[in-house]
Each structure stands twice: as C-alpha cells, then as structure tokens.
C-alpha cells in the first residue's frame, strides 16, 4: 500500500488549508487505485491567517462535535473578531479564540 501525506497552508483569500488537503486527497484517490493508497491530510498554519481555522478543525476532527458552534459550547469558548492596528498603521481584522473562564475575574467566579 502506498502512503501519502498531504500538508498545506491556506491559499490566501482562496481556499482554507483543510479544503486544499481534501481536494488533493480526493484527486489522489480518483487518479490512483483507491484501495491501494492511504492518504493522511494535515492542514497547516504559520500562526497568521488561517491559524484559528486549523485549530477549530483539529478540535472538531478529534472530538465528537460536528461544528464550530458545538465545539465552542462544549469547551466554553468564543471566537471574537476585532479590528486592530497593523504594522504599518492600517486597520487589520483579527480573530481571537478565548476560553470564557479565562475572561472572567476571580470576583465573578464567586
């Protein structure tokens, strides 16, 4: 059996890393004999755009949840979208994934 590892970062403003991995896996399975290959996919991110998508998808694929909504509910997380100042002073959209307990103070927990 031939084994393939497919690992992509996203194509900015086009496809997520997971979408690229899935498309490549499907193409390999279509072109080669499906029952004679094993394709492992690993969506990657360098910490910039697409990083939270990879984290979300890794949590979803390794647990029983089927959506981001279920994931956030189960782990008490929230995805927050903000506008920050970029390195050249321009506004930049940023996304944070926070555990809600992390946001609360000791006084609110009592």
N, C-alpha and C. Protein backbone atom coordinates (compact mmCIF):
# COMPACT_ATOMS: atom_id res chain seq x y z
N UNK A 1 0.85 -1.17 0.00
CA UNK A 1 0.00 0.00 0.00
C UNK A 1 0.90 1.25 0.00
N UNK A 2 0.60 2.15 -0.90
CA UNK A 2 1.33 3.41 -0.95
C UNK A 2 0.69 4.40 0.01
N UNK A 3 1.53 5.18 0.67
CA UNK A 3 1.03 6.17 1.63
C UNK A 3 1.43 7.56 1.17
N UNK A 4 0.52 8.50 1.37
CA UNK A 4 0.76 9.89 1.02
C UNK A 4 0.43 10.76 2.23
N UNK A 5 1.23 11.78 2.44
CA UNK A 5 0.93 12.80 3.43
C UNK A 5 0.72 14.10 2.66
N UNK A 6 -0.45 14.67 2.83
CA UNK A 6 -0.80 15.92 2.16
C UNK A 6 -0.88 17.00 3.24
N UNK A 7 -0.02 18.02 3.13
CA UNK A 7 0.02 19.08 4.13
C UNK A 7 0.12 20.43 3.42
N UNK A 8 -0.88 21.25 3.63
CA UNK A 8 -0.92 22.57 3.00
C UNK A 8 -1.17 23.66 4.04
N UNK A 9 -0.67 24.83 3.75
CA UNK A 9 -1.13 26.06 4.38
C UNK A 9 -2.23 26.58 3.44
N UNK A 10 -2.97 27.54 3.87
CA UNK A 10 -4.06 28.06 3.04
C UNK A 10 -3.53 28.79 1.82
N UNK A 11 -4.39 28.96 0.82
CA UNK A 11 -4.13 29.85 -0.30
C UNK A 11 -4.91 31.12 0.02
N UNK A 12 -4.21 32.15 0.39
CA UNK A 12 -4.83 33.37 0.92
C UNK A 12 -5.98 33.85 0.03
N UNK A 13 -7.08 34.15 0.68
CA UNK A 13 -8.29 34.67 0.03
C UNK A 13 -8.85 33.73 -1.03
N UNK A 14 -8.49 32.44 -0.95
CA UNK A 14 -8.98 31.49 -1.94
C UNK A 14 -9.52 30.22 -1.28
N UNK A 15 -8.63 29.43 -0.65
CA UNK A 15 -9.05 28.18 -0.03
C UNK A 15 -8.38 28.01 1.32
N UNK A 16 -9.11 27.40 2.26
CA UNK A 16 -8.54 27.04 3.56
C UNK A 16 -7.58 25.86 3.38
N UNK A 17 -6.70 25.69 4.35
CA UNK A 17 -5.76 24.56 4.31
C UNK A 17 -6.51 23.24 4.25
N UNK A 18 -7.57 23.11 5.03
CA UNK A 18 -8.33 21.85 5.04
C UNK A 18 -9.00 21.58 3.69
N UNK A 19 -9.45 22.64 3.02
CA UNK A 19 -10.06 22.46 1.70
C UNK A 19 -9.02 21.98 0.68
N UNK A 20 -7.82 22.55 0.74
CA UNK A 20 -6.75 22.12 -0.16
C UNK A 20 -6.38 20.66 0.09
N UNK A 21 -6.27 20.31 1.36
CA UNK A 21 -5.93 18.92 1.71
C UNK A 21 -7.00 17.96 1.21
N UNK A 22 -8.26 18.30 1.42
CA UNK A 22 -9.35 17.43 0.97
C UNK A 22 -9.39 17.29 -0.55
N UNK A 23 -9.19 18.40 -1.27
CA UNK A 23 -9.19 18.34 -2.74
C UNK A 23 -8.05 17.47 -3.25
N UNK A 24 -6.87 17.61 -2.65
CA UNK A 24 -5.73 16.80 -3.08
C UNK A 24 -5.95 15.33 -2.76
N UNK A 25 -6.50 15.04 -1.57
CA UNK A 25 -6.80 13.66 -1.20
C UNK A 25 -7.77 13.03 -2.20
N UNK A 26 -8.84 13.77 -2.53
CA UNK A 26 -9.83 13.25 -3.47
C UNK A 26 -9.22 13.04 -4.86
N UNK A 27 -8.35 13.95 -5.28
CA UNK A 27 -7.70 13.80 -6.60
C UNK A 27 -6.80 12.57 -6.62
N UNK A 28 -6.01 12.38 -5.55
CA UNK A 28 -5.15 11.20 -5.49
C UNK A 28 -5.97 9.92 -5.51
N UNK A 29 -7.06 9.90 -4.76
CA UNK A 29 -7.91 8.70 -4.70
C UNK A 29 -8.58 8.44 -6.05
N UNK A 30 -8.88 9.50 -6.79
CA UNK A 30 -9.52 9.33 -8.09
C UNK A 30 -8.52 8.84 -9.14
N UNK A 31 -7.32 9.39 -9.12
CA UNK A 31 -6.32 9.07 -10.13
C UNK A 31 -5.65 7.72 -9.86
N UNK A 32 -5.37 7.45 -8.59
CA UNK A 32 -4.73 6.19 -8.22
C UNK A 32 -5.79 5.20 -7.75
N UNK A 33 -5.42 3.98 -7.59
CA UNK A 33 -6.39 2.99 -7.14
C UNK A 33 -6.71 3.23 -5.67
N UNK A 34 -7.95 3.58 -5.40
CA UNK A 34 -8.40 4.00 -4.07
C UNK A 34 -8.04 3.01 -2.98
N UNK A 35 -8.22 1.72 -3.24
CA UNK A 35 -7.99 0.70 -2.21
C UNK A 35 -6.52 0.33 -2.04
N UNK A 36 -5.63 0.94 -2.84
CA UNK A 36 -4.21 0.63 -2.73
C UNK A 36 -3.40 1.81 -2.20
N UNK A 37 -4.07 2.86 -1.72
CA UNK A 37 -3.35 4.00 -1.17
C UNK A 37 -3.97 4.41 0.17
N UNK A 38 -3.17 5.08 0.98
CA UNK A 38 -3.67 5.68 2.21
C UNK A 38 -3.18 7.12 2.20
N UNK A 39 -4.12 8.05 2.31
CA UNK A 39 -3.79 9.47 2.28
C UNK A 39 -4.09 10.08 3.64
N UNK A 40 -3.07 10.66 4.26
CA UNK A 40 -3.25 11.39 5.51
C UNK A 40 -3.18 12.88 5.19
N UNK A 41 -4.12 13.64 5.73
CA UNK A 41 -4.13 15.08 5.48
C UNK A 41 -3.81 15.83 6.76
N UNK A 42 -3.00 16.87 6.62
CA UNK A 42 -2.61 17.70 7.76
C UNK A 42 -2.70 19.16 7.36
N UNK A 43 -3.81 19.83 7.69
CA UNK A 43 -3.89 21.27 7.42
C UNK A 43 -2.88 22.01 8.31
N UNK A 44 -2.15 22.94 7.73
CA UNK A 44 -1.12 23.67 8.45
C UNK A 44 -1.44 25.16 8.51
N UNK A 45 -0.78 25.85 9.43
CA UNK A 45 -0.84 27.30 9.51
C UNK A 45 0.44 27.79 10.15
N UNK A 46 0.87 28.97 9.74
CA UNK A 46 2.11 29.52 10.26
C UNK A 46 1.89 30.49 11.42
N UNK A 47 0.67 30.52 11.94
CA UNK A 47 0.35 31.42 13.05
C UNK A 47 -0.36 32.68 12.59
N UNK A 48 -0.45 32.88 11.30
CA UNK A 48 -1.14 34.05 10.75
C UNK A 48 -2.55 33.69 10.34
N UNK A 49 -2.96 34.23 9.20
CA UNK A 49 -4.29 33.93 8.66
C UNK A 49 -4.47 32.43 8.54
N UNK A 50 -5.60 31.94 8.96
CA UNK A 50 -5.89 30.52 8.83
C UNK A 50 -5.53 29.70 10.06
N UNK A 51 -4.81 30.29 11.01
CA UNK A 51 -4.39 29.54 12.20
C UNK A 51 -5.59 29.06 13.00
N UNK A 52 -6.55 29.96 13.28
CA UNK A 52 -7.72 29.55 14.06
C UNK A 52 -8.56 28.53 13.33
N UNK A 53 -8.63 28.63 12.01
CA UNK A 53 -9.36 27.62 11.23
C UNK A 53 -8.75 26.23 11.46
N UNK A 54 -7.42 26.15 11.44
CA UNK A 54 -6.74 24.86 11.67
C UNK A 54 -7.00 24.35 13.08
N UNK A 55 -6.96 25.25 14.07
CA UNK A 55 -7.21 24.86 15.46
C UNK A 55 -8.64 24.33 15.60
N UNK A 56 -9.61 25.07 15.07
CA UNK A 56 -11.01 24.65 15.14
C UNK A 56 -11.18 23.28 14.49
N UNK A 57 -10.64 23.11 13.30
CA UNK A 57 -10.82 21.86 12.57
C UNK A 57 -10.12 20.70 13.27
N UNK A 58 -8.98 20.96 13.91
CA UNK A 58 -8.29 19.90 14.66
C UNK A 58 -9.13 19.46 15.85
N UNK A 59 -9.72 20.42 16.58
CA UNK A 59 -10.59 20.08 17.70
C UNK A 59 -11.80 19.29 17.22
N UNK A 60 -12.41 19.74 16.14
CA UNK A 60 -13.61 19.09 15.62
C UNK A 60 -13.30 17.66 15.16
N UNK A 61 -12.18 17.48 14.44
CA UNK A 61 -11.87 16.15 13.92
C UNK A 61 -11.43 15.18 15.02
N UNK A 62 -10.97 15.71 16.15
CA UNK A 62 -10.51 14.82 17.23
C UNK A 62 -11.56 14.63 18.33
N UNK A 63 -12.73 15.21 18.15
CA UNK A 63 -13.77 15.06 19.17
C UNK A 63 -15.08 14.63 18.52
N UNK A 64 -16.11 14.56 19.33
CA UNK A 64 -17.41 14.11 18.82
C UNK A 64 -18.27 15.25 18.28
N UNK A 65 -17.79 16.49 18.38
CA UNK A 65 -18.57 17.61 17.88
C UNK A 65 -18.48 17.66 16.37
N UNK A 66 -19.52 18.23 15.74
CA UNK A 66 -19.57 18.26 14.29
C UNK A 66 -19.54 19.68 13.73
N UNK A 67 -19.50 20.69 14.61
CA UNK A 67 -19.49 22.06 14.13
C UNK A 67 -18.76 22.96 15.10
N UNK A 68 -18.39 24.13 14.62
CA UNK A 68 -17.74 25.13 15.48
C UNK A 68 -18.65 25.53 16.63
N UNK A 69 -19.93 25.65 16.34
CA UNK A 69 -20.89 26.04 17.38
C UNK A 69 -20.88 25.03 18.54
N UNK A 70 -20.93 23.74 18.20
CA UNK A 70 -20.87 22.70 19.24
C UNK A 70 -19.53 22.73 19.97
N UNK A 71 -18.46 22.93 19.22
CA UNK A 71 -17.12 23.00 19.81
C UNK A 71 -17.03 24.11 20.83
N UNK A 72 -17.47 25.30 20.45
CA UNK A 72 -17.38 26.45 21.34
C UNK A 72 -18.25 26.25 22.57
N UNK A 73 -19.40 25.64 22.39
CA UNK A 73 -20.30 25.38 23.51
C UNK A 73 -19.69 24.36 24.47
N UNK A 74 -19.18 23.27 23.93
CA UNK A 74 -18.62 22.19 24.75
C UNK A 74 -17.41 22.65 25.55
N UNK A 75 -16.55 23.44 24.93
CA UNK A 75 -15.32 23.87 25.60
C UNK A 75 -15.43 25.28 26.18
N UNK A 76 -16.64 25.84 26.18
CA UNK A 76 -16.88 27.17 26.75
C UNK A 76 -15.95 28.21 26.11
N UNK A 77 -15.92 28.21 24.79
CA UNK A 77 -15.06 29.12 24.04
C UNK A 77 -15.89 30.08 23.20
N UNK A 78 -15.27 31.19 22.86
CA UNK A 78 -15.90 32.16 21.97
C UNK A 78 -14.87 32.65 20.98
N UNK A 79 -15.31 32.83 19.74
CA UNK A 79 -14.46 33.42 18.71
C UNK A 79 -14.82 34.90 18.64
N UNK A 80 -13.84 35.75 18.79
CA UNK A 80 -14.06 37.19 18.83
C UNK A 80 -13.34 37.82 17.64
N UNK A 81 -14.05 38.66 16.91
CA UNK A 81 -13.47 39.39 15.78
C UNK A 81 -13.26 40.84 16.20
N UNK A 82 -12.07 41.36 15.97
CA UNK A 82 -11.71 42.72 16.36
C UNK A 82 -11.00 43.41 15.21
N UNK A 83 -10.91 44.72 15.30
CA UNK A 83 -10.07 45.49 14.39
C UNK A 83 -8.91 46.04 15.20
N UNK A 84 -7.71 45.79 14.73
CA UNK A 84 -6.51 46.26 15.41
C UNK A 84 -5.69 47.09 14.43
N UNK A 85 -4.64 47.69 14.92
CA UNK A 85 -3.75 48.46 14.06
C UNK A 85 -2.63 47.54 13.58
N UNK A 86 -2.48 47.45 12.26
CA UNK A 86 -1.44 46.61 11.68
C UNK A 86 -0.07 47.24 11.80
N UNK A 87 0.97 46.55 11.34
CA UNK A 87 2.34 47.02 11.50
C UNK A 87 2.64 48.33 10.77
N UNK A 88 1.87 48.65 9.74
CA UNK A 88 2.07 49.89 9.01
C UNK A 88 1.04 50.95 9.39
N UNK A 89 0.28 50.71 10.46
CA UNK A 89 -0.71 51.67 10.92
C UNK A 89 -2.08 51.52 10.30
N UNK A 90 -2.24 50.56 9.40
CA UNK A 90 -3.54 50.34 8.77
C UNK A 90 -4.40 49.44 9.65
N UNK A 91 -5.73 49.59 9.57
CA UNK A 91 -6.59 48.69 10.33
C UNK A 91 -6.47 47.26 9.80
N UNK A 92 -6.49 46.30 10.72
CA UNK A 92 -6.41 44.89 10.35
C UNK A 92 -7.46 44.12 11.13
N UNK A 93 -8.15 43.22 10.46
CA UNK A 93 -9.12 42.36 11.13
C UNK A 93 -8.37 41.23 11.82
N UNK A 94 -8.67 41.02 13.10
CA UNK A 94 -8.03 39.94 13.85
C UNK A 94 -9.10 39.09 14.50
N UNK A 95 -8.77 37.84 14.76
CA UNK A 95 -9.70 36.89 15.36
C UNK A 95 -9.04 36.25 16.56
N UNK A 96 -9.77 36.17 17.65
CA UNK A 96 -9.28 35.54 18.87
C UNK A 96 -10.20 34.40 19.23
N UNK A 97 -9.65 33.33 19.74
CA UNK A 97 -10.43 32.21 20.26
C UNK A 97 -10.11 32.13 21.74
N UNK A 98 -11.09 32.45 22.57
CA UNK A 98 -10.87 32.54 24.00
C UNK A 98 -11.76 31.60 24.77
N UNK A 99 -11.20 31.05 25.83
CA UNK A 99 -12.00 30.28 26.78
C UNK A 99 -12.68 31.28 27.69
N UNK A 100 -13.98 31.16 27.89
CA UNK A 100 -14.74 32.14 28.64
C UNK A 100 -14.25 32.24 30.08
N UNK A 101 -13.90 31.13 30.72
CA UNK A 101 -13.40 31.18 32.09
C UNK A 101 -12.14 32.04 32.19
N UNK A 102 -11.35 32.07 31.13
CA UNK A 102 -10.14 32.88 31.10
C UNK A 102 -10.48 34.37 31.19
N UNK A 103 -11.63 34.75 30.62
CA UNK A 103 -12.01 36.15 30.58
C UNK A 103 -12.58 36.64 31.92
N UNK A 104 -13.09 35.74 32.74
CA UNK A 104 -13.73 36.17 33.97
C UNK A 104 -12.69 36.36 35.08
N UNK A 105 -13.00 37.24 35.99
CA UNK A 105 -12.08 37.50 37.11
C UNK A 105 -12.46 36.64 38.29
N UNK A 106 -11.61 36.62 39.30
CA UNK A 106 -11.88 35.82 40.50
C UNK A 106 -13.16 36.27 41.17
N UNK A 107 -13.46 37.57 41.12
CA UNK A 107 -14.68 38.07 41.78
C UNK A 107 -15.93 37.53 41.11
N UNK A 108 -15.92 37.40 39.78
CA UNK A 108 -17.13 36.94 39.09
C UNK A 108 -17.34 35.44 39.24
N UNK A 109 -16.30 34.71 39.58
CA UNK A 109 -16.44 33.26 39.75
C UNK A 109 -17.06 32.91 41.09
N UNK A 110 -17.00 33.81 42.06
CA UNK A 110 -17.51 33.52 43.41
C UNK A 110 -19.01 33.67 43.48
